[in-house]
All heavy atoms as atom14 arrays in JSON, in Angstrom:
{
  "sequence": "AVILQGKEGFFTSGLDLITLFQYDEEQMKTFWTKFIDLIEELASFPK",
  "atom14_mask": [
    [1, 1, 1, 1, 1, 0, 0, 0, 0, 0, 0, 0, 0, 0],
    [1, 1, 1, 1, 1, 1, 1, 0, 0, 0, 0, 0, 0, 0],
    [1, 1, 1, 1, 1, 1, 1, 1, 0, 0, 0, 0, 0, 0],
    [1, 1, 1, 1, 1, 1, 1, 1, 0, 0, 0, 0, 0, 0],
    [1, 1, 1, 1, 1, 1, 1, 1, 1, 0, 0, 0, 0, 0],
    [1, 1, 1, 1, 0, 0, 0, 0, 0, 0, 0, 0, 0, 0],
    [1, 1, 1, 1, 1, 1, 1, 1, 1, 0, 0, 0, 0, 0],
    [1, 1, 1, 1, 1, 1, 1, 1, 1, 0, 0, 0, 0, 0],
    [1, 1, 1, 1, 0, 0, 0, 0, 0, 0, 0, 0, 0, 0],
    [1, 1, 1, 1, 1, 1, 1, 1, 1, 1, 1, 0, 0, 0],
    [1, 1, 1, 1, 1, 1, 1, 1, 1, 1, 1, 0, 0, 0],
    [1, 1, 1, 1, 1, 1, 1, 0, 0, 0, 0, 0, 0, 0],
    [1, 1, 1, 1, 1, 1, 0, 0, 0, 0, 0, 0, 0, 0],
    [1, 1, 1, 1, 0, 0, 0, 0, 0, 0, 0, 0, 0, 0],
    [1, 1, 1, 1, 1, 1, 1, 1, 0, 0, 0, 0, 0, 0],
    [1, 1, 1, 1, 1, 1, 1, 1, 0, 0, 0, 0, 0, 0],
    [1, 1, 1, 1, 1, 1, 1, 1, 0, 0, 0, 0, 0, 0],
    [1, 1, 1, 1, 1, 1, 1, 1, 0, 0, 0, 0, 0, 0],
    [1, 1, 1, 1, 1, 1, 1, 0, 0, 0, 0, 0, 0, 0],
    [1, 1, 1, 1, 1, 1, 1, 1, 0, 0, 0, 0, 0, 0],
    [1, 1, 1, 1, 1, 1, 1, 1, 1, 1, 1, 0, 0, 0],
    [1, 1, 1, 1, 1, 1, 1, 1, 1, 0, 0, 0, 0, 0],
    [1, 1, 1, 1, 1, 1, 1, 1, 1, 1, 1, 1, 0, 0],
    [1, 1, 1, 1, 1, 1, 1, 1, 0, 0, 0, 0, 0, 0],
    [1, 1, 1, 1, 1, 1, 1, 1, 1, 0, 0, 0, 0, 0],
    [1, 1, 1, 1, 1, 1, 1, 1, 1, 0, 0, 0, 0, 0],
    [1, 1, 1, 1, 1, 1, 1, 1, 1, 0, 0, 0, 0, 0],
    [1, 1, 1, 1, 1, 1, 1, 1, 0, 0, 0, 0, 0, 0],
    [1, 1, 1, 1, 1, 1, 1, 1, 1, 0, 0, 0, 0, 0],
    [1, 1, 1, 1, 1, 1, 1, 0, 0, 0, 0, 0, 0, 0],
    [1, 1, 1, 1, 1, 1, 1, 1, 1, 1, 1, 0, 0, 0],
    [1, 1, 1, 1, 1, 1, 1, 1, 1, 1, 1, 1, 1, 1],
    [1, 1, 1, 1, 1, 1, 1, 0, 0, 0, 0, 0, 0, 0],
    [1, 1, 1, 1, 1, 1, 1, 1, 1, 0, 0, 0, 0, 0],
    [1, 1, 1, 1, 1, 1, 1, 1, 1, 1, 1, 0, 0, 0],
    [1, 1, 1, 1, 1, 1, 1, 1, 0, 0, 0, 0, 0, 0],
    [1, 1, 1, 1, 1, 1, 1, 1, 0, 0, 0, 0, 0, 0],
    [1, 1, 1, 1, 1, 1, 1, 1, 0, 0, 0, 0, 0, 0],
    [1, 1, 1, 1, 1, 1, 1, 1, 0, 0, 0, 0, 0, 0],
    [1, 1, 1, 1, 1, 1, 1, 1, 1, 0, 0, 0, 0, 0],
    [1, 1, 1, 1, 1, 1, 1, 1, 1, 0, 0, 0, 0, 0],
    [1, 1, 1, 1, 1, 1, 1, 1, 0, 0, 0, 0, 0, 0],
    [1, 1, 1, 1, 1, 0, 0, 0, 0, 0, 0, 0, 0, 0],
    [1, 1, 1, 1, 1, 1, 0, 0, 0, 0, 0, 0, 0, 0],
    [1, 1, 1, 1, 1, 1, 1, 1, 1, 1, 1, 0, 0, 0],
    [1, 1, 1, 1, 1, 1, 1, 0, 0, 0, 0, 0, 0, 0],
    [1, 1, 1, 1, 1, 1, 1, 1, 1, 0, 0, 0, 0, 0]
  ],
  "atom14_positions": [
    [[91.35, 119.35, 80.9], [89.95, 118.98, 81.17], [89.43, 118.17, 79.99], [89.99, 118.2, 78.9], [89.11, 120.23, 81.36], [0.0, 0.0, 0.0], [0.0, 0.0, 0.0], [0.0, 0.0, 0.0], [0.0, 0.0, 0.0], [0.0, 0.0, 0.0], [0.0, 0.0, 0.0], [0.0, 0.0, 0.0], [0.0, 0.0, 0.0], [0.0, 0.0, 0.0]],
    [[88.32, 117.44, 80.23], [87.73, 116.59, 79.2], [86.23, 116.85, 79.09], [85.55, 117.01, 80.1], [87.96, 115.09, 79.51], [87.2, 114.2, 78.55], [89.45, 114.76, 79.44], [0.0, 0.0, 0.0], [0.0, 0.0, 0.0], [0.0, 0.0, 0.0], [0.0, 0.0, 0.0], [0.0, 0.0, 0.0], [0.0, 0.0, 0.0], [0.0, 0.0, 0.0]],
    [[85.76, 116.92, 77.85], [84.32, 117.01, 77.59], [83.93, 115.79, 76.75], [84.48, 115.56, 75.68], [83.95, 118.32, 76.87], [84.22, 119.51, 77.8], [82.48, 118.3, 76.4], [84.11, 120.86, 77.14], [0.0, 0.0, 0.0], [0.0, 0.0, 0.0], [0.0, 0.0, 0.0], [0.0, 0.0, 0.0], [0.0, 0.0, 0.0], [0.0, 0.0, 0.0]],
    [[82.99, 115.01, 77.28], [82.5, 113.82, 76.58], [81.13, 114.15, 76.0], [80.24, 114.61, 76.72], [82.39, 112.65, 77.56], [81.91, 111.31, 77.01], [82.91, 110.73, 76.01], [81.68, 110.3, 78.14], [0.0, 0.0, 0.0], [0.0, 0.0, 0.0], [0.0, 0.0, 0.0], [0.0, 0.0, 0.0], [0.0, 0.0, 0.0], [0.0, 0.0, 0.0]],
    [[80.97, 113.95, 74.7], [79.7, 114.31, 74.06], [79.24, 113.23, 73.08], [80.04, 112.39, 72.64], [79.86, 115.64, 73.33], [80.94, 115.64, 72.26], [81.37, 117.03, 71.85], [81.43, 117.95, 72.65], [81.7, 117.19, 70.58], [0.0, 0.0, 0.0], [0.0, 0.0, 0.0], [0.0, 0.0, 0.0], [0.0, 0.0, 0.0], [0.0, 0.0, 0.0]],
    [[77.96, 113.26, 72.76], [77.42, 112.34, 71.77], [77.2, 113.08, 70.46], [77.96, 113.98, 70.11], [0.0, 0.0, 0.0], [0.0, 0.0, 0.0], [0.0, 0.0, 0.0], [0.0, 0.0, 0.0], [0.0, 0.0, 0.0], [0.0, 0.0, 0.0], [0.0, 0.0, 0.0], [0.0, 0.0, 0.0], [0.0, 0.0, 0.0], [0.0, 0.0, 0.0]],
    [[76.14, 112.7, 69.75], [75.77, 113.44, 68.54], [74.31, 113.83, 68.68], [73.63, 113.33, 69.6], [76.03, 112.61, 67.29], [75.51, 111.19, 67.36], [75.93, 110.37, 66.15], [77.19, 109.59, 66.39], [77.44, 108.53, 65.41], [0.0, 0.0, 0.0], [0.0, 0.0, 0.0], [0.0, 0.0, 0.0], [0.0, 0.0, 0.0], [0.0, 0.0, 0.0]],
    [[73.82, 114.69, 67.84], [72.46, 115.2, 68.03], [71.46, 114.05, 68.06], [71.45, 113.2, 67.18], [72.1, 116.2, 66.92], [70.78, 116.89, 67.2], [70.53, 118.12, 66.35], [71.29, 118.36, 65.39], [69.56, 118.84, 66.65], [0.0, 0.0, 0.0], [0.0, 0.0, 0.0], [0.0, 0.0, 0.0], [0.0, 0.0, 0.0], [0.0, 0.0, 0.0]],
    [[70.64, 114.02, 69.09], [69.63, 112.97, 69.24], [70.0, 111.9, 70.24], [69.13, 111.34, 70.91], [0.0, 0.0, 0.0], [0.0, 0.0, 0.0], [0.0, 0.0, 0.0], [0.0, 0.0, 0.0], [0.0, 0.0, 0.0], [0.0, 0.0, 0.0], [0.0, 0.0, 0.0], [0.0, 0.0, 0.0], [0.0, 0.0, 0.0], [0.0, 0.0, 0.0]],
    [[71.29, 111.6, 70.34], [71.75, 110.57, 71.28], [73.08, 110.96, 71.92], [74.01, 111.34, 71.21], [71.97, 109.23, 70.56], [70.71, 108.44, 70.34], [70.02, 108.55, 69.14], [70.2, 107.6, 71.33], [68.84, 107.83, 68.92], [69.03, 106.88, 71.11], [68.35, 106.99, 69.9], [0.0, 0.0, 0.0], [0.0, 0.0, 0.0], [0.0, 0.0, 0.0]],
    [[73.14, 110.85, 73.23], [74.44, 110.86, 73.91], [74.97, 109.44, 73.71], [75.85, 109.2, 72.92], [74.26, 111.23, 75.38], [75.52, 111.16, 76.2], [76.61, 111.95, 75.88], [75.61, 110.31, 77.3], [77.79, 111.88, 76.63], [76.78, 110.25, 78.06], [77.86, 111.03, 77.72], [0.0, 0.0, 0.0], [0.0, 0.0, 0.0], [0.0, 0.0, 0.0]],
    [[74.37, 108.47, 74.38], [74.48, 107.06, 74.01], [73.25, 106.35, 74.54], [72.79, 106.64, 75.64], [75.77, 106.36, 74.52], [75.52, 104.94, 74.59], [76.22, 106.86, 75.87], [0.0, 0.0, 0.0], [0.0, 0.0, 0.0], [0.0, 0.0, 0.0], [0.0, 0.0, 0.0], [0.0, 0.0, 0.0], [0.0, 0.0, 0.0], [0.0, 0.0, 0.0]],
    [[72.74, 105.43, 73.77], [71.56, 104.66, 74.18], [71.92, 103.61, 75.23], [71.07, 102.85, 75.67], [70.94, 103.99, 72.96], [71.87, 103.1, 72.38], [0.0, 0.0, 0.0], [0.0, 0.0, 0.0], [0.0, 0.0, 0.0], [0.0, 0.0, 0.0], [0.0, 0.0, 0.0], [0.0, 0.0, 0.0], [0.0, 0.0, 0.0], [0.0, 0.0, 0.0]],
    [[73.19, 103.57, 75.61], [73.62, 102.6, 76.62], [74.25, 101.38, 75.97], [74.9, 101.49, 74.92], [0.0, 0.0, 0.0], [0.0, 0.0, 0.0], [0.0, 0.0, 0.0], [0.0, 0.0, 0.0], [0.0, 0.0, 0.0], [0.0, 0.0, 0.0], [0.0, 0.0, 0.0], [0.0, 0.0, 0.0], [0.0, 0.0, 0.0], [0.0, 0.0, 0.0]],
    [[74.06, 100.24, 76.57], [74.71, 99.02, 76.07], [74.03, 98.55, 74.79], [72.82, 98.64, 74.64], [74.65, 97.93, 77.14], [75.2, 98.34, 78.52], [75.2, 97.14, 79.46], [76.59, 98.93, 78.42], [0.0, 0.0, 0.0], [0.0, 0.0, 0.0], [0.0, 0.0, 0.0], [0.0, 0.0, 0.0], [0.0, 0.0, 0.0], [0.0, 0.0, 0.0]],
    [[74.85, 98.04, 73.89], [74.34, 97.53, 72.62], [73.78, 96.12, 72.84], [74.49, 95.12, 72.7], [75.48, 97.51, 71.6], [75.04, 96.96, 70.25], [73.87, 96.51, 70.13], [75.85, 96.97, 69.31], [0.0, 0.0, 0.0], [0.0, 0.0, 0.0], [0.0, 0.0, 0.0], [0.0, 0.0, 0.0], [0.0, 0.0, 0.0], [0.0, 0.0, 0.0]],
    [[72.51, 96.07, 73.21], [71.89, 94.78, 73.57], [71.91, 93.79, 72.41], [72.05, 92.58, 72.63], [70.45, 95.0, 74.05], [70.3, 95.84, 75.33], [68.82, 96.02, 75.67], [71.03, 95.21, 76.51], [0.0, 0.0, 0.0], [0.0, 0.0, 0.0], [0.0, 0.0, 0.0], [0.0, 0.0, 0.0], [0.0, 0.0, 0.0], [0.0, 0.0, 0.0]],
    [[71.8, 94.29, 71.2], [71.78, 93.39, 70.03], [73.1, 92.63, 69.92], [73.12, 91.42, 69.73], [71.46, 94.17, 68.73], [70.05, 94.78, 68.82], [71.6, 93.28, 67.5], [69.66, 95.68, 67.66], [0.0, 0.0, 0.0], [0.0, 0.0, 0.0], [0.0, 0.0, 0.0], [0.0, 0.0, 0.0], [0.0, 0.0, 0.0], [0.0, 0.0, 0.0]],
    [[74.21, 93.35, 70.09], [75.54, 92.72, 70.04], [75.78, 91.86, 71.28], [76.25, 90.72, 71.19], [76.64, 93.78, 69.9], [76.36, 94.56, 68.73], [78.02, 93.17, 69.77], [0.0, 0.0, 0.0], [0.0, 0.0, 0.0], [0.0, 0.0, 0.0], [0.0, 0.0, 0.0], [0.0, 0.0, 0.0], [0.0, 0.0, 0.0], [0.0, 0.0, 0.0]],
    [[75.45, 92.41, 72.45], [75.72, 91.7, 73.71], [74.94, 90.39, 73.8], [75.43, 89.41, 74.38], [75.35, 92.59, 74.91], [76.48, 93.44, 75.51], [77.13, 94.34, 74.48], [75.98, 94.25, 76.68], [0.0, 0.0, 0.0], [0.0, 0.0, 0.0], [0.0, 0.0, 0.0], [0.0, 0.0, 0.0], [0.0, 0.0, 0.0], [0.0, 0.0, 0.0]],
    [[73.76, 90.37, 73.22], [72.91, 89.17, 73.26], [73.62, 87.98, 72.59], [73.37, 86.82, 72.94], [71.57, 89.45, 72.57], [70.5, 88.44, 72.88], [69.88, 88.43, 74.12], [70.11, 87.5, 71.94], [68.88, 87.49, 74.41], [69.11, 86.56, 72.21], [68.5, 86.57, 73.46], [0.0, 0.0, 0.0], [0.0, 0.0, 0.0], [0.0, 0.0, 0.0]],
    [[74.5, 88.28, 71.64], [75.22, 87.23, 70.9], [76.49, 86.75, 71.62], [77.07, 85.74, 71.23], [75.64, 87.74, 69.51], [74.51, 88.35, 68.68], [73.38, 87.37, 68.42], [73.6, 86.17, 68.28], [72.15, 87.89, 68.36], [0.0, 0.0, 0.0], [0.0, 0.0, 0.0], [0.0, 0.0, 0.0], [0.0, 0.0, 0.0], [0.0, 0.0, 0.0]],
    [[76.94, 87.51, 72.63], [78.18, 87.14, 73.31], [78.02, 85.81, 74.05], [76.95, 85.51, 74.58], [78.56, 88.2, 74.35], [79.14, 89.5, 73.8], [79.32, 89.7, 72.43], [79.51, 90.53, 74.66], [79.84, 90.9, 71.96], [80.03, 91.72, 74.19], [80.2, 91.9, 72.84], [80.72, 93.09, 72.37], [0.0, 0.0, 0.0], [0.0, 0.0, 0.0]],
    [[79.12, 85.03, 74.1], [79.1, 83.81, 74.91], [79.46, 84.17, 76.36], [79.71, 85.33, 76.68], [80.04, 82.74, 74.33], [81.5, 83.17, 74.31], [81.89, 84.05, 75.12], [82.27, 82.63, 73.49], [0.0, 0.0, 0.0], [0.0, 0.0, 0.0], [0.0, 0.0, 0.0], [0.0, 0.0, 0.0], [0.0, 0.0, 0.0], [0.0, 0.0, 0.0]],
    [[79.5, 83.16, 77.24], [79.68, 83.44, 78.67], [81.0, 84.15, 78.96], [81.06, 85.06, 79.78], [79.57, 82.14, 79.48], [78.13, 81.62, 79.48], [77.88, 80.53, 80.51], [78.57, 80.52, 81.54], [77.0, 79.71, 80.26], [0.0, 0.0, 0.0], [0.0, 0.0, 0.0], [0.0, 0.0, 0.0], [0.0, 0.0, 0.0], [0.0, 0.0, 0.0]],
    [[82.05, 83.71, 78.27], [83.38, 84.31, 78.49], [83.38, 85.78, 78.05], [83.87, 86.66, 78.78], [84.42, 83.51, 77.7], [85.85, 83.74, 78.16], [86.05, 83.53, 79.66], [85.57, 82.53, 80.24], [86.7, 84.4, 80.26], [0.0, 0.0, 0.0], [0.0, 0.0, 0.0], [0.0, 0.0, 0.0], [0.0, 0.0, 0.0], [0.0, 0.0, 0.0]],
    [[82.81, 86.04, 76.88], [82.75, 87.42, 76.37], [81.92, 88.32, 77.28], [82.25, 89.47, 77.52], [82.14, 87.43, 74.96], [83.05, 86.88, 73.88], [82.29, 86.74, 72.55], [81.24, 86.09, 72.49], [82.8, 87.36, 71.51], [0.0, 0.0, 0.0], [0.0, 0.0, 0.0], [0.0, 0.0, 0.0], [0.0, 0.0, 0.0], [0.0, 0.0, 0.0]],
    [[80.83, 87.76, 77.81], [79.93, 88.53, 78.67], [80.63, 88.88, 79.98], [80.51, 90.0, 80.47], [78.7, 87.68, 78.97], [77.37, 88.32, 78.77], [77.21, 89.63, 77.57], [76.86, 90.99, 78.63], [0.0, 0.0, 0.0], [0.0, 0.0, 0.0], [0.0, 0.0, 0.0], [0.0, 0.0, 0.0], [0.0, 0.0, 0.0], [0.0, 0.0, 0.0]],
    [[81.37, 87.93, 80.51], [82.11, 88.19, 81.76], [83.15, 89.29, 81.52], [83.32, 90.2, 82.34], [82.78, 86.9, 82.25], [83.38, 87.08, 83.63], [83.9, 85.79, 84.22], [84.4, 86.07, 85.63], [84.96, 84.88, 86.25], [0.0, 0.0, 0.0], [0.0, 0.0, 0.0], [0.0, 0.0, 0.0], [0.0, 0.0, 0.0], [0.0, 0.0, 0.0]],
    [[83.85, 89.18, 80.4], [84.84, 90.21, 80.04], [84.16, 91.56, 79.9], [84.65, 92.58, 80.4], [85.55, 89.83, 78.71], [86.14, 88.55, 78.86], [86.61, 90.85, 78.34], [0.0, 0.0, 0.0], [0.0, 0.0, 0.0], [0.0, 0.0, 0.0], [0.0, 0.0, 0.0], [0.0, 0.0, 0.0], [0.0, 0.0, 0.0], [0.0, 0.0, 0.0]],
    [[83.01, 91.55, 79.24], [82.29, 92.81, 79.01], [81.96, 93.5, 80.33], [82.24, 94.69, 80.51], [81.01, 92.59, 78.2], [80.23, 93.87, 78.01], [80.56, 94.73, 76.98], [79.24, 94.24, 78.9], [79.89, 95.94, 76.83], [78.57, 95.45, 78.77], [78.9, 96.3, 77.72], [0.0, 0.0, 0.0], [0.0, 0.0, 0.0], [0.0, 0.0, 0.0]],
    [[81.33, 92.78, 81.24], [80.91, 93.41, 82.5], [82.1, 93.82, 83.35], [82.07, 94.86, 84.02], [79.97, 92.49, 83.29], [78.59, 92.49, 82.68], [78.0, 91.46, 81.99], [77.65, 93.57, 82.64], [76.75, 91.84, 81.55], [76.51, 93.13, 81.93], [77.67, 94.88, 83.14], [75.4, 93.93, 81.71], [76.56, 95.69, 82.92], [75.44, 95.22, 82.21]],
    [[83.17, 93.02, 83.3], [84.4, 93.4, 84.02], [84.92, 94.73, 83.47], [85.24, 95.65, 84.23], [85.47, 92.3, 83.87], [84.9, 91.06, 84.29], [86.7, 92.6, 84.69], [0.0, 0.0, 0.0], [0.0, 0.0, 0.0], [0.0, 0.0, 0.0], [0.0, 0.0, 0.0], [0.0, 0.0, 0.0], [0.0, 0.0, 0.0], [0.0, 0.0, 0.0]],
    [[84.98, 94.82, 82.15], [85.5, 96.04, 81.51], [84.55, 97.22, 81.72], [85.0, 98.36, 81.82], [85.69, 95.8, 80.0], [86.77, 94.77, 79.65], [88.16, 95.31, 79.86], [89.24, 94.29, 79.63], [89.76, 94.25, 78.28], [0.0, 0.0, 0.0], [0.0, 0.0, 0.0], [0.0, 0.0, 0.0], [0.0, 0.0, 0.0], [0.0, 0.0, 0.0]],
    [[83.25, 96.95, 81.79], [82.29, 98.05, 82.0], [82.5, 98.66, 83.39], [82.51, 99.88, 83.55], [80.85, 97.57, 81.82], [79.85, 98.69, 81.88], [79.84, 99.69, 80.92], [78.91, 98.76, 82.9], [78.92, 100.74, 80.97], [77.98, 99.81, 82.96], [77.99, 100.8, 81.99], [0.0, 0.0, 0.0], [0.0, 0.0, 0.0], [0.0, 0.0, 0.0]],
    [[82.71, 97.8, 84.39], [82.93, 98.33, 85.75], [84.31, 98.99, 85.84], [84.46, 100.01, 86.51], [82.7, 97.24, 86.81], [81.19, 96.87, 86.78], [83.09, 97.73, 88.21], [80.76, 95.78, 87.71], [0.0, 0.0, 0.0], [0.0, 0.0, 0.0], [0.0, 0.0, 0.0], [0.0, 0.0, 0.0], [0.0, 0.0, 0.0], [0.0, 0.0, 0.0]],
    [[85.29, 98.48, 85.1], [86.59, 99.16, 85.01], [86.41, 100.58, 84.45], [87.04, 101.53, 84.91], [87.55, 98.41, 84.07], [88.09, 97.12, 84.68], [87.93, 96.94, 85.9], [88.65, 96.3, 83.93], [0.0, 0.0, 0.0], [0.0, 0.0, 0.0], [0.0, 0.0, 0.0], [0.0, 0.0, 0.0], [0.0, 0.0, 0.0], [0.0, 0.0, 0.0]],
    [[85.55, 100.68, 83.45], [85.28, 101.99, 82.82], [84.67, 102.95, 83.84], [85.09, 104.11, 83.95], [84.36, 101.83, 81.61], [83.83, 103.12, 80.97], [84.96, 103.99, 80.44], [82.83, 102.81, 79.85], [0.0, 0.0, 0.0], [0.0, 0.0, 0.0], [0.0, 0.0, 0.0], [0.0, 0.0, 0.0], [0.0, 0.0, 0.0], [0.0, 0.0, 0.0]],
    [[83.68, 102.47, 84.6], [83.04, 103.31, 85.62], [84.09, 103.8, 86.61], [84.14, 104.99, 86.96], [81.93, 102.53, 86.36], [80.79, 102.21, 85.41], [81.42, 103.32, 87.57], [79.8, 101.21, 85.95], [0.0, 0.0, 0.0], [0.0, 0.0, 0.0], [0.0, 0.0, 0.0], [0.0, 0.0, 0.0], [0.0, 0.0, 0.0], [0.0, 0.0, 0.0]],
    [[84.95, 102.89, 87.03], [86.0, 103.24, 87.99], [86.95, 104.29, 87.4], [87.3, 105.27, 88.06], [86.78, 101.97, 88.36], [87.58, 102.11, 89.62], [88.26, 100.79, 90.03], [87.78, 99.71, 89.65], [89.27, 100.89, 90.72], [0.0, 0.0, 0.0], [0.0, 0.0, 0.0], [0.0, 0.0, 0.0], [0.0, 0.0, 0.0], [0.0, 0.0, 0.0]],
    [[87.32, 104.08, 86.16], [88.23, 105.02, 85.47], [87.61, 106.41, 85.36], [88.26, 107.42, 85.63], [88.57, 104.45, 84.08], [89.77, 105.07, 83.43], [91.07, 104.88, 84.19], [91.37, 103.76, 84.64], [91.79, 105.88, 84.35], [0.0, 0.0, 0.0], [0.0, 0.0, 0.0], [0.0, 0.0, 0.0], [0.0, 0.0, 0.0], [0.0, 0.0, 0.0]],
    [[86.34, 106.45, 84.96], [85.67, 107.75, 84.77], [85.39, 108.44, 86.09], [85.58, 109.65, 86.23], [84.35, 107.56, 84.01], [84.41, 107.05, 82.57], [83.01, 107.02, 81.96], [85.33, 107.89, 81.71], [0.0, 0.0, 0.0], [0.0, 0.0, 0.0], [0.0, 0.0, 0.0], [0.0, 0.0, 0.0], [0.0, 0.0, 0.0], [0.0, 0.0, 0.0]],
    [[84.93, 107.67, 87.08], [84.55, 108.28, 88.36], [85.78, 108.78, 89.12], [85.68, 109.71, 89.92], [83.78, 107.28, 89.21], [0.0, 0.0, 0.0], [0.0, 0.0, 0.0], [0.0, 0.0, 0.0], [0.0, 0.0, 0.0], [0.0, 0.0, 0.0], [0.0, 0.0, 0.0], [0.0, 0.0, 0.0], [0.0, 0.0, 0.0], [0.0, 0.0, 0.0]],
    [[86.94, 108.18, 88.86], [88.17, 108.6, 89.57], [89.04, 109.53, 88.72], [90.14, 109.88, 89.12], [88.98, 107.36, 89.97], [89.44, 106.69, 88.82], [0.0, 0.0, 0.0], [0.0, 0.0, 0.0], [0.0, 0.0, 0.0], [0.0, 0.0, 0.0], [0.0, 0.0, 0.0], [0.0, 0.0, 0.0], [0.0, 0.0, 0.0], [0.0, 0.0, 0.0]],
    [[88.55, 109.92, 87.55], [89.33, 110.78, 86.66], [89.63, 112.09, 87.39], [88.7, 112.8, 87.8], [88.54, 111.04, 85.37], [89.34, 111.73, 84.3], [90.35, 111.06, 83.63], [89.08, 113.06, 83.97], [91.09, 111.7, 82.63], [89.82, 113.7, 82.98], [90.83, 113.01, 82.31], [0.0, 0.0, 0.0], [0.0, 0.0, 0.0], [0.0, 0.0, 0.0]],
    [[90.9, 112.43, 87.57], [91.22, 113.54, 88.48], [90.99, 114.95, 87.91], [90.87, 115.91, 88.67], [92.71, 113.33, 88.78], [93.24, 112.56, 87.6], [92.11, 111.75, 87.08], [0.0, 0.0, 0.0], [0.0, 0.0, 0.0], [0.0, 0.0, 0.0], [0.0, 0.0, 0.0], [0.0, 0.0, 0.0], [0.0, 0.0, 0.0], [0.0, 0.0, 0.0]],
    [[90.93, 115.05, 86.6], [90.78, 116.38, 85.98], [89.29, 116.7, 85.78], [88.46, 115.8, 85.8], [91.5, 116.39, 84.62], [92.98, 116.03, 84.72], [93.63, 115.92, 83.34], [95.07, 115.44, 83.47], [95.76, 115.37, 82.17], [0.0, 0.0, 0.0], [0.0, 0.0, 0.0], [0.0, 0.0, 0.0], [0.0, 0.0, 0.0], [0.0, 0.0, 0.0]]
  ]
}
């Protein structure tokens, strides 16, 4: 089994807008592709 946790005060504030704002079009496309891959990986995690 897996337990995913943050630290006191924050689980995660979500996407790092400050960093993402600097990404170019190619990086942004990669980011969103990988973010949806992550959702798929987590939502289908069998354990």
